[in-house]
Amino acid sequence: MGSAREHFGHDPRAAGRQAAKDMKEGRIDKNELKARYEDAKFIGCGEDFKEGYGEEATK
């Protein structure tokens, strides 16, 4: 049996990549980025979120 985030289709790496894209395009500010990270961290996905963000931010 997988984790709840897998069951409900949440991909923290994809969320991190999307957050990086949104930052580049000016859709979100630093506070919104921090809020998204805190949400990911709350459900135990903080490291995956950071990895996804890092992948996109370095492109």
PDB file of N, CA and C in Angstrom:
ATOM      1  N   MET A   1       0.842  -1.176   0.000  1.00  0.00           N
ATOM      2  CA  MET A   1       0.000   0.000   0.000  1.00  0.00           C
ATOM      3  C   MET A   1       0.887   1.239   0.000  1.00  0.00           C
ATOM      4  N   GLY A   2       0.641   2.187  -0.898  1.00  0.00           N
ATOM      5  CA  GLY A   2       1.444   3.402  -1.019  1.00  0.00           C
ATOM      6  C   GLY A   2       1.028   4.461  -0.023  1.00  0.00           C
ATOM      7  N   SER A   3       1.734   5.537  -0.062  1.00  0.00           N
ATOM      8  CA  SER A   3       1.423   6.638   0.841  1.00  0.00           C
ATOM      9  C   SER A   3       0.188   7.387   0.343  1.00  0.00           C
ATOM     10  N   ALA A   4      -0.369   8.197   1.210  1.00  0.00           N
ATOM     11  CA  ALA A   4      -1.570   8.954   0.858  1.00  0.00           C
ATOM     12  C   ALA A   4      -1.292   9.930  -0.276  1.00  0.00           C
ATOM     13  N   ARG A   5      -0.100  10.554  -0.263  1.00  0.00           N
ATOM     14  CA  ARG A   5       0.186  11.533  -1.323  1.00  0.00           C
ATOM     15  C   ARG A   5       0.259  10.857  -2.685  1.00  0.00           C
ATOM     16  N   GLU A   6       0.750   9.612  -2.732  1.00  0.00           N
ATOM     17  CA  GLU A   6       0.772   8.879  -3.995  1.00  0.00           C
ATOM     18  C   GLU A   6      -0.644   8.511  -4.412  1.00  0.00           C
ATOM     19  N   HIS A   7      -1.443   8.097  -3.444  1.00  0.00           N
ATOM     20  CA  HIS A   7      -2.816   7.691  -3.723  1.00  0.00           C
ATOM     21  C   HIS A   7      -3.626   8.844  -4.310  1.00  0.00           C
ATOM     22  N   PHE A   8      -3.441  10.037  -3.760  1.00  0.00           N
ATOM     23  CA  PHE A   8      -4.213  11.186  -4.217  1.00  0.00           C
ATOM     24  C   PHE A   8      -3.536  11.939  -5.355  1.00  0.00           C
ATOM     25  N   GLY A   9      -2.403  11.433  -5.835  1.00  0.00           N
ATOM     26  CA  GLY A   9      -1.765  11.999  -7.007  1.00  0.00           C
ATOM     27  C   GLY A   9      -0.921  13.235  -6.761  1.00  0.00           C
ATOM     28  N   HIS A  10      -0.499  13.478  -5.529  1.00  0.00           N
ATOM     29  CA  HIS A  10       0.341  14.646  -5.247  1.00  0.00           C
ATOM     30  C   HIS A  10       1.791  14.310  -5.554  1.00  0.00           C
ATOM     31  N   ASP A  11       2.409  15.111  -6.383  1.00  0.00           N
ATOM     32  CA  ASP A  11       3.811  14.930  -6.733  1.00  0.00           C
ATOM     33  C   ASP A  11       4.579  16.152  -6.237  1.00  0.00           C
ATOM     34  N   PRO A  12       5.274  16.033  -5.113  1.00  0.00           N
ATOM     35  CA  PRO A  12       5.955  17.197  -4.547  1.00  0.00           C
ATOM     36  C   PRO A  12       7.075  17.740  -5.433  1.00  0.00           C
ATOM     37  N   ARG A  13       7.732  16.881  -6.188  1.00  0.00           N
ATOM     38  CA  ARG A  13       8.774  17.378  -7.104  1.00  0.00           C
ATOM     39  C   ARG A  13       8.151  18.234  -8.198  1.00  0.00           C
ATOM     40  N   ALA A  14       7.028  17.785  -8.731  1.00  0.00           N
ATOM     41  CA  ALA A  14       6.339  18.573  -9.756  1.00  0.00           C
ATOM     42  C   ALA A  14       5.855  19.897  -9.168  1.00  0.00           C
ATOM     43  N   ALA A  15       5.403  19.872  -7.931  1.00  0.00           N
ATOM     44  CA  ALA A  15       4.972  21.108  -7.273  1.00  0.00           C
ATOM     45  C   ALA A  15       6.150  22.062  -7.111  1.00  0.00           C
ATOM     46  N   GLY A  16       7.312  21.530  -6.787  1.00  0.00           N
ATOM     47  CA  GLY A  16       8.509  22.355  -6.668  1.00  0.00           C
ATOM     48  C   GLY A  16       8.929  22.944  -8.000  1.00  0.00           C
ATOM     49  N   ARG A  17       8.861  22.122  -9.052  1.00  0.00           N
ATOM     50  CA  ARG A  17       9.200  22.623 -10.388  1.00  0.00           C
ATOM     51  C   ARG A  17       8.231  23.726 -10.813  1.00  0.00           C
ATOM     52  N   GLN A  18       6.953  23.536 -10.530  1.00  0.00           N
ATOM     53  CA  GLN A  18       5.950  24.541 -10.885  1.00  0.00           C
ATOM     54  C   GLN A  18       6.176  25.828 -10.103  1.00  0.00           C
ATOM     55  N   ALA A  19       6.544  25.708  -8.842  1.00  0.00           N
ATOM     56  CA  ALA A  19       6.815  26.898  -8.034  1.00  0.00           C
ATOM     57  C   ALA A  19       7.992  27.680  -8.608  1.00  0.00           C
ATOM     58  N   ALA A  20       9.014  26.980  -9.072  1.00  0.00           N
ATOM     59  CA  ALA A  20      10.168  27.656  -9.677  1.00  0.00           C
ATOM     60  C   ALA A  20       9.754  28.384 -10.955  1.00  0.00           C
ATOM     61  N   LYS A  21       8.925  27.738 -11.765  1.00  0.00           N
ATOM     62  CA  LYS A  21       8.437  28.385 -12.990  1.00  0.00           C
ATOM     63  C   LYS A  21       7.623  29.629 -12.650  1.00  0.00           C
ATOM     64  N   ASP A  22       6.757  29.499 -11.649  1.00  0.00           N
ATOM     65  CA  ASP A  22       5.928  30.632 -11.246  1.00  0.00           C
ATOM     66  C   ASP A  22       6.776  31.795 -10.730  1.00  0.00           C
ATOM     67  N   MET A  23       7.845  31.489 -10.008  1.00  0.00           N
ATOM     68  CA  MET A  23       8.750  32.543  -9.524  1.00  0.00           C
ATOM     69  C   MET A  23       9.425  33.236 -10.701  1.00  0.00           C
ATOM     70  N   LYS A  24       9.906  32.459 -11.668  1.00  0.00           N
ATOM     71  CA  LYS A  24      10.574  33.038 -12.842  1.00  0.00           C
ATOM     72  C   LYS A  24       9.644  33.968 -13.608  1.00  0.00           C
ATOM     73  N   GLU A  25       8.380  33.567 -13.708  1.00  0.00           N
ATOM     74  CA  GLU A  25       7.405  34.330 -14.484  1.00  0.00           C
ATOM     75  C   GLU A  25       6.742  35.441 -13.676  1.00  0.00           C
ATOM     76  N   GLY A  26       7.068  35.553 -12.398  1.00  0.00           N
ATOM     77  CA  GLY A  26       6.521  36.614 -11.561  1.00  0.00           C
ATOM     78  C   GLY A  26       5.101  36.377 -11.080  1.00  0.00           C
ATOM     79  N   ARG A  27       4.629  35.155 -11.169  1.00  0.00           N
ATOM     80  CA  ARG A  27       3.262  34.849 -10.728  1.00  0.00           C
ATOM     81  C   ARG A  27       3.146  34.792  -9.207  1.00  0.00           C
ATOM     82  N   ILE A  28       4.233  34.411  -8.549  1.00  0.00           N
ATOM     83  CA  ILE A  28       4.224  34.342  -7.089  1.00  0.00           C
ATOM     84  C   ILE A  28       5.438  35.096  -6.559  1.00  0.00           C
ATOM     85  N   ASP A  29       5.349  35.498  -5.296  1.00  0.00           N
ATOM     86  CA  ASP A  29       6.480  36.166  -4.665  1.00  0.00           C
ATOM     87  C   ASP A  29       7.136  35.213  -3.668  1.00  0.00           C
ATOM     88  N   LYS A  30       8.140  35.715  -2.975  1.00  0.00           N
ATOM     89  CA  LYS A  30       8.904  34.885  -2.046  1.00  0.00           C
ATOM     90  C   LYS A  30       8.024  34.335  -0.923  1.00  0.00           C
ATOM     91  N   ASN A  31       7.057  35.125  -0.483  1.00  0.00           N
ATOM     92  CA  ASN A  31       6.173  34.675   0.595  1.00  0.00           C
ATOM     93  C   ASN A  31       5.292  33.513   0.151  1.00  0.00           C
ATOM     94  N   GLU A  32       4.782  33.574  -1.070  1.00  0.00           N
ATOM     95  CA  GLU A  32       3.964  32.476  -1.596  1.00  0.00           C
ATOM     96  C   GLU A  32       4.804  31.217  -1.774  1.00  0.00           C
ATOM     97  N   LEU A  33       6.035  31.392  -2.247  1.00  0.00           N
ATOM     98  CA  LEU A  33       6.937  30.251  -2.389  1.00  0.00           C
ATOM     99  C   LEU A  33       7.172  29.594  -1.035  1.00  0.00           C
ATOM    100  N   LYS A  34       7.407  30.402  -0.036  1.00  0.00           N
ATOM    101  CA  LYS A  34       7.632  29.877   1.314  1.00  0.00           C
ATOM    102  C   LYS A  34       6.393  29.135   1.818  1.00  0.00           C
ATOM    103  N   ALA A  35       5.214  29.670   1.537  1.00  0.00           N
ATOM    104  CA  ALA A  35       3.970  29.019   1.953  1.00  0.00           C
ATOM    105  C   ALA A  35       3.808  27.663   1.271  1.00  0.00           C
ATOM    106  N   ARG A  36       4.130  27.590  -0.010  1.00  0.00           N
ATOM    107  CA  ARG A  36       4.040  26.309  -0.727  1.00  0.00           C
ATOM    108  C   ARG A  36       5.017  25.292  -0.147  1.00  0.00           C
ATOM    109  N   TYR A  37       6.225  25.763   0.171  1.00  0.00           N
ATOM    110  CA  TYR A  37       7.216  24.866   0.770  1.00  0.00           C
ATOM    111  C   TYR A  37       6.748  24.387   2.141  1.00  0.00           C
ATOM    112  N   GLU A  38       6.207  25.280   2.949  1.00  0.00           N
ATOM    113  CA  GLU A  38       5.721  24.902   4.279  1.00  0.00           C
ATOM    114  C   GLU A  38       4.599  23.873   4.167  1.00  0.00           C
ATOM    115  N   ASP A  39       3.726  24.026   3.173  1.00  0.00           N
ATOM    116  CA  ASP A  39       2.661  23.041   2.951  1.00  0.00           C
ATOM    117  C   ASP A  39       3.253  21.675   2.616  1.00  0.00           C
ATOM    118  N   ALA A  40       4.253  21.666   1.746  1.00  0.00           N
ATOM    119  CA  ALA A  40       4.897  20.403   1.373  1.00  0.00           C
ATOM    120  C   ALA A  40       5.602  19.789   2.576  1.00  0.00           C
ATOM    121  N   LYS A  41       6.250  20.622   3.346  1.00  0.00           N
ATOM    122  CA  LYS A  41       6.960  20.139   4.527  1.00  0.00           C
ATOM    123  C   LYS A  41       5.979  19.551   5.544  1.00  0.00           C
ATOM    124  N   PHE A  42       4.817  20.168   5.672  1.00  0.00           N
ATOM    125  CA  PHE A  42       3.805  19.710   6.616  1.00  0.00           C
ATOM    126  C   PHE A  42       3.352  18.285   6.312  1.00  0.00           C
ATOM    127  N   ILE A  43       3.272  17.938   5.022  1.00  0.00           N
ATOM    128  CA  ILE A  43       2.835  16.583   4.670  1.00  0.00           C
ATOM    129  C   ILE A  43       4.013  15.633   4.478  1.00  0.00           C
ATOM    130  N   GLY A  44       5.206  16.093   4.869  1.00  0.00           N
ATOM    131  CA  GLY A  44       6.377  15.216   4.829  1.00  0.00           C
ATOM    132  C   GLY A  44       7.089  15.161   3.495  1.00  0.00           C
ATOM    133  N   CYS A  45       6.896  16.169   2.658  1.00  0.00           N
ATOM    134  CA  CYS A  45       7.481  16.172   1.314  1.00  0.00           C
ATOM    135  C   CYS A  45       8.411  17.350   1.075  1.00  0.00           C
ATOM    136  N   GLY A  46       8.902  17.959   2.122  1.00  0.00           N
ATOM    137  CA  GLY A  46       9.729  19.154   1.981  1.00  0.00           C
ATOM    138  C   GLY A  46      10.972  18.940   1.142  1.00  0.00           C
ATOM    139  N   GLU A  47      11.659  17.832   1.362  1.00  0.00           N
ATOM    140  CA  GLU A  47      12.894  17.566   0.615  1.00  0.00           C
ATOM    141  C   GLU A  47      12.608  17.340  -0.869  1.00  0.00           C
ATOM    142  N   ASP A  48      11.539  16.611  -1.171  1.00  0.00           N
ATOM    143  CA  ASP A  48      11.180  16.380  -2.571  1.00  0.00           C
ATOM    144  C   ASP A  48      10.804  17.692  -3.257  1.00  0.00           C
ATOM    145  N   PHE A  49      10.095  18.557  -2.541  1.00  0.00           N
ATOM    146  CA  PHE A  49       9.722  19.859  -3.083  1.00  0.00           C
ATOM    147  C   PHE A  49      10.972  20.665  -3.414  1.00  0.00           C
ATOM    148  N   LYS A  50      11.928  20.687  -2.490  1.00  0.00           N
ATOM    149  CA  LYS A  50      13.169  21.434  -2.712  1.00  0.00           C
ATOM    150  C   LYS A  50      13.952  20.878  -3.898  1.00  0.00           C
ATOM    151  N   GLU A  51      13.978  19.556  -4.041  1.00  0.00           N
ATOM    152  CA  GLU A  51      14.681  18.947  -5.176  1.00  0.00           C
ATOM    153  C   GLU A  51      14.031  19.353  -6.498  1.00  0.00           C
ATOM    154  N   GLY A  52      12.712  19.308  -6.546  1.00  0.00           N
ATOM    155  CA  GLY A  52      12.001  19.723  -7.757  1.00  0.00           C
ATOM    156  C   GLY A  52      12.230  21.191  -8.067  1.00  0.00           C
ATOM    157  N   TYR A  53      12.219  22.017  -7.036  1.00  0.00           N
ATOM    158  CA  TYR A  53      12.480  23.446  -7.222  1.00  0.00           C
ATOM    159  C   TYR A  53      13.888  23.655  -7.768  1.00  0.00           C
ATOM    160  N   GLY A  54      14.837  22.948  -7.198  1.00  0.00           N
ATOM    161  CA  GLY A  54      16.226  23.073  -7.633  1.00  0.00           C
ATOM    162  C   GLY A  54      16.435  22.640  -9.068  1.00  0.00           C
ATOM    163  N   GLU A  55      15.736  21.577  -9.481  1.00  0.00           N
ATOM    164  CA  GLU A  55      15.847  21.100 -10.861  1.00  0.00           C
ATOM    165  C   GLU A  55      15.423  22.184 -11.845  1.00  0.00           C
ATOM    166  N   GLU A  56      14.313  22.828 -11.568  1.00  0.00           N
ATOM    167  CA  GLU A  56      13.780  23.838 -12.487  1.00  0.00           C
ATOM    168  C   GLU A  56      14.533  25.160 -12.365  1.00  0.00           C
ATOM    169  N   ALA A  57      14.931  25.520 -11.175  1.00  0.00           N
ATOM    170  CA  ALA A  57      15.591  26.814 -10.960  1.00  0.00           C
ATOM    171  C   ALA A  57      16.958  26.879 -11.632  1.00  0.00           C
ATOM    172  N   THR A  58      17.601  25.736 -11.815  1.00  0.00           N
ATOM    173  CA  THR A  58      18.931  25.733 -12.414  1.00  0.00           C
ATOM    174  C   THR A  58      18.893  25.649 -13.936  1.00  0.00           C
ATOM    175  N   LYS A  59      17.711  25.562 -14.519  1.00  0.00           N
ATOM    176  CA  LYS A  59      17.592  25.486 -15.987  1.00  0.00           C
ATOM    177  C   LYS A  59      17.872  26.835 -16.605  1.00  0.00           C
TER     178      LYS A  59
END
